[in-house]
Amino acid sequence: MALSEHEQRLLDQLEQQLHADDPKFAHSMASDTRKAMSTRRLVIGALVTIAGILVLLAGIVNQFIPIGVIGFLIMGAGVYFATTRSKQVESVKPAVRPSKAASGGKSGFMSNLEGKWDERRRDQS
């Protein structure tokens, strides 16, 4: 269900207030697609892990411990590669637009939201 225009504005105001009050937390909670796990990294990591398992099994079959250890290390490297994020520079920060609500202070903003919430509850009754 899509948000109405009024609800979208309220959500934008809440987001701006969060950025104004605690920018570090807001930045950590922001959804950034560059931070998400890459499908390419998962596939490559899985293939390297499978290759490591095969080398490990070859070491076991041939009863040659160094090959088994190398296979285990390859397997671990594949899992590590698949589960880590790429090291892209996070130089782009989300733009925070100052608004009247954000500069008006926390109590004014919250009282405004509470008033709108009470009005909405009365309209639904």
C-alpha atoms as a PDB file:
ATOM      1  CA  MET A   1       0.000   0.000   0.000  1.00  0.00           C
ATOM      2  CA  ALA A   2       1.476   3.326  -1.078  1.00  0.00           C
ATOM      3  CA  LEU A   3       1.813   6.251   1.281  1.00  0.00           C
ATOM      4  CA  SER A   4      -0.327   9.306   0.767  1.00  0.00           C
ATOM      5  CA  GLU A   5       1.346  12.602  -0.055  1.00  0.00           C
ATOM      6  CA  HIS A   6       0.746  13.832   3.487  1.00  0.00           C
ATOM      7  CA  GLU A   7       2.253  10.672   5.004  1.00  0.00           C
ATOM      8  CA  GLN A   8       5.252  10.920   2.679  1.00  0.00           C
ATOM      9  CA  ARG A   9       5.876  14.493   3.820  1.00  0.00           C
ATOM     10  CA  LEU A  10       5.675  13.404   7.468  1.00  0.00           C
ATOM     11  CA  LEU A  11       8.111  10.595   6.791  1.00  0.00           C
ATOM     12  CA  ASP A  12      10.491  13.026   5.078  1.00  0.00           C
ATOM     13  CA  GLN A  13      10.258  15.363   8.077  1.00  0.00           C
ATOM     14  CA  LEU A  14      11.029  12.493  10.451  1.00  0.00           C
ATOM     15  CA  GLU A  15      14.027  11.513   8.366  1.00  0.00           C
ATOM     16  CA  GLN A  16      15.320  15.086   8.315  1.00  0.00           C
ATOM     17  CA  GLN A  17      14.875  15.354  12.080  1.00  0.00           C
ATOM     18  CA  LEU A  18      16.797  12.117  12.563  1.00  0.00           C
ATOM     19  CA  HIS A  19      19.631  13.416  10.393  1.00  0.00           C
ATOM     20  CA  ALA A  20      19.668  16.666  12.371  1.00  0.00           C
ATOM     21  CA  ASP A  21      19.576  14.977  15.804  1.00  0.00           C
ATOM     22  CA  ASP A  22      21.949  12.064  15.226  1.00  0.00           C
ATOM     23  CA  PRO A  23      23.682  12.163  11.827  1.00  0.00           C
ATOM     24  CA  LYS A  24      26.043   9.295  12.683  1.00  0.00           C
ATOM     25  CA  PHE A  25      23.172   6.924  13.492  1.00  0.00           C
ATOM     26  CA  ALA A  26      21.147   8.098  10.499  1.00  0.00           C
ATOM     27  CA  HIS A  27      24.100   7.462   8.203  1.00  0.00           C
ATOM     28  CA  SER A  28      24.600   3.978   9.613  1.00  0.00           C
ATOM     29  CA  MET A  29      20.912   3.134   9.120  1.00  0.00           C
ATOM     30  CA  ALA A  30      20.667   4.548   5.591  1.00  0.00           C
ATOM     31  CA  SER A  31      20.087   1.906   2.949  1.00  0.00           C
ATOM     32  CA  ASP A  32      22.885   2.104   0.454  1.00  0.00           C
ATOM     33  CA  THR A  33      22.935  -0.348  -2.436  1.00  0.00           C
ATOM     34  CA  ARG A  34      26.719  -0.061  -2.700  1.00  0.00           C
ATOM     35  CA  LYS A  35      27.014  -1.549   0.782  1.00  0.00           C
ATOM     36  CA  ALA A  36      24.846  -4.542  -0.041  1.00  0.00           C
ATOM     37  CA  MET A  37      26.405  -7.872  -0.822  1.00  0.00           C
ATOM     38  CA  SER A  38      27.282  -8.240  -4.457  1.00  0.00           C
ATOM     39  CA  THR A  39      25.895 -11.202  -6.370  1.00  0.00           C
ATOM     40  CA  ARG A  40      29.103 -11.351  -8.364  1.00  0.00           C
ATOM     41  CA  ARG A  41      31.168 -11.635  -5.172  1.00  0.00           C
ATOM     42  CA  LEU A  42      28.870 -14.389  -3.891  1.00  0.00           C
ATOM     43  CA  VAL A  43      29.162 -16.410  -7.100  1.00  0.00           C
ATOM     44  CA  ILE A  44      32.940 -16.015  -7.348  1.00  0.00           C
ATOM     45  CA  GLY A  45      33.326 -16.844  -3.656  1.00  0.00           C
ATOM     46  CA  ALA A  46      31.154 -19.939  -4.028  1.00  0.00           C
ATOM     47  CA  LEU A  47      33.171 -21.134  -7.021  1.00  0.00           C
ATOM     48  CA  VAL A  48      36.455 -20.606  -5.158  1.00  0.00           C
ATOM     49  CA  THR A  49      35.005 -22.454  -2.154  1.00  0.00           C
ATOM     50  CA  ILE A  50      34.004 -25.398  -4.345  1.00  0.00           C
ATOM     51  CA  ALA A  51      37.483 -25.428  -5.885  1.00  0.00           C
ATOM     52  CA  GLY A  52      38.953 -25.443  -2.371  1.00  0.00           C
ATOM     53  CA  ILE A  53      36.769 -28.400  -1.398  1.00  0.00           C
ATOM     54  CA  LEU A  54      37.929 -30.281  -4.493  1.00  0.00           C
ATOM     55  CA  VAL A  55      41.596 -29.585  -3.688  1.00  0.00           C
ATOM     56  CA  LEU A  56      40.953 -30.635  -0.084  1.00  0.00           C
ATOM     57  CA  LEU A  57      39.390 -33.892  -1.256  1.00  0.00           C
ATOM     58  CA  ALA A  58      42.313 -34.470  -3.636  1.00  0.00           C
ATOM     59  CA  GLY A  59      44.675 -34.094  -0.691  1.00  0.00           C
ATOM     60  CA  ILE A  60      42.648 -36.582   1.345  1.00  0.00           C
ATOM     61  CA  VAL A  61      42.460 -39.122  -1.493  1.00  0.00           C
ATOM     62  CA  ASN A  62      46.201 -38.879  -2.181  1.00  0.00           C
ATOM     63  CA  GLN A  63      46.933 -38.831   1.572  1.00  0.00           C
ATOM     64  CA  PHE A  64      49.143 -35.781   1.121  1.00  0.00           C
ATOM     65  CA  ILE A  65      48.471 -33.376   3.985  1.00  0.00           C
ATOM     66  CA  PRO A  66      49.959 -30.178   2.433  1.00  0.00           C
ATOM     67  CA  ILE A  67      47.507 -30.385  -0.496  1.00  0.00           C
ATOM     68  CA  GLY A  68      44.634 -30.817   1.961  1.00  0.00           C
ATOM     69  CA  VAL A  69      45.783 -27.790   3.951  1.00  0.00           C
ATOM     70  CA  ILE A  70      46.084 -25.718   0.764  1.00  0.00           C
ATOM     71  CA  GLY A  71      42.569 -26.825  -0.241  1.00  0.00           C
ATOM     72  CA  PHE A  72      41.253 -25.797   3.159  1.00  0.00           C
ATOM     73  CA  LEU A  73      42.906 -22.376   2.850  1.00  0.00           C
ATOM     74  CA  ILE A  74      41.436 -21.907  -0.636  1.00  0.00           C
ATOM     75  CA  MET A  75      38.035 -22.895   0.688  1.00  0.00           C
ATOM     76  CA  GLY A  76      38.332 -20.393   3.554  1.00  0.00           C
ATOM     77  CA  ALA A  77      39.429 -17.652   1.178  1.00  0.00           C
ATOM     78  CA  GLY A  78      36.381 -18.309  -1.007  1.00  0.00           C
ATOM     79  CA  VAL A  79      34.009 -18.050   1.940  1.00  0.00           C
ATOM     80  CA  TYR A  80      35.746 -14.884   3.134  1.00  0.00           C
ATOM     81  CA  PHE A  81      35.538 -13.325  -0.333  1.00  0.00           C
ATOM     82  CA  ALA A  82      31.853 -14.196  -0.665  1.00  0.00           C
ATOM     83  CA  THR A  83      30.855 -12.779   2.712  1.00  0.00           C
ATOM     84  CA  THR A  84      32.807  -9.523   2.718  1.00  0.00           C
ATOM     85  CA  ARG A  85      31.704  -6.333   1.061  1.00  0.00           C
ATOM     86  CA  SER A  86      33.674  -4.640  -1.659  1.00  0.00           C
ATOM     87  CA  LYS A  87      35.793  -1.706  -0.559  1.00  0.00           C
ATOM     88  CA  GLN A  88      34.138   1.125  -2.429  1.00  0.00           C
ATOM     89  CA  VAL A  89      34.767   4.621  -1.224  1.00  0.00           C
ATOM     90  CA  GLU A  90      31.847   5.995   0.741  1.00  0.00           C
ATOM     91  CA  SER A  91      32.465   9.576  -0.302  1.00  0.00           C
ATOM     92  CA  VAL A  92      28.848  10.254  -1.223  1.00  0.00           C
ATOM     93  CA  LYS A  93      26.888  11.317   1.829  1.00  0.00           C
ATOM     94  CA  PRO A  94      23.126  11.734   1.785  1.00  0.00           C
ATOM     95  CA  ALA A  95      22.054  15.332   1.390  1.00  0.00           C
ATOM     96  CA  VAL A  96      20.179  16.669   4.375  1.00  0.00           C
ATOM     97  CA  ARG A  97      17.780  19.434   3.523  1.00  0.00           C
ATOM     98  CA  PRO A  98      17.129  21.741   6.432  1.00  0.00           C
ATOM     99  CA  SER A  99      13.466  22.339   7.036  1.00  0.00           C
ATOM    100  CA  LYS A 100      11.444  24.574   9.298  1.00  0.00           C
ATOM    101  CA  ALA A 101      10.542  21.574  11.430  1.00  0.00           C
ATOM    102  CA  ALA A 102      14.151  20.484  11.850  1.00  0.00           C
ATOM    103  CA  SER A 103      15.364  23.952  12.795  1.00  0.00           C
ATOM    104  CA  GLY A 104      12.374  24.634  15.030  1.00  0.00           C
ATOM    105  CA  GLY A 105      13.591  22.267  17.717  1.00  0.00           C
ATOM    106  CA  LYS A 106      12.617  18.869  18.894  1.00  0.00           C
ATOM    107  CA  SER A 107       9.656  19.871  21.031  1.00  0.00           C
ATOM    108  CA  GLY A 108       8.001  21.889  18.252  1.00  0.00           C
ATOM    109  CA  PHE A 109       8.452  19.119  15.774  1.00  0.00           C
ATOM    110  CA  MET A 110       7.145  16.450  18.133  1.00  0.00           C
ATOM    111  CA  SER A 111       4.176  18.518  19.259  1.00  0.00           C
ATOM    112  CA  ASN A 112       3.326  19.149  15.606  1.00  0.00           C
ATOM    113  CA  LEU A 113       3.398  15.401  14.914  1.00  0.00           C
ATOM    114  CA  GLU A 114       1.343  14.643  18.014  1.00  0.00           C
ATOM    115  CA  GLY A 115      -1.261  17.189  16.954  1.00  0.00           C
ATOM    116  CA  LYS A 116      -1.464  15.689  13.486  1.00  0.00           C
ATOM    117  CA  TRP A 117      -1.728  12.199  14.987  1.00  0.00           C
ATOM    118  CA  ASP A 118      -4.565  13.264  17.295  1.00  0.00           C
ATOM    119  CA  GLU A 119      -6.362  14.923  14.379  1.00  0.00           C
ATOM    120  CA  ARG A 120      -6.015  11.794  12.304  1.00  0.00           C
ATOM    121  CA  ARG A 121      -7.342   9.598  15.116  1.00  0.00           C
ATOM    122  CA  ARG A 122     -10.381  11.884  15.486  1.00  0.00           C
ATOM    123  CA  ASP A 123     -11.052  11.686  11.737  1.00  0.00           C
ATOM    124  CA  GLN A 124     -10.993   7.877  11.821  1.00  0.00           C
ATOM    125  CA  SER A 125     -13.455   7.645  14.765  1.00  0.00           C
END
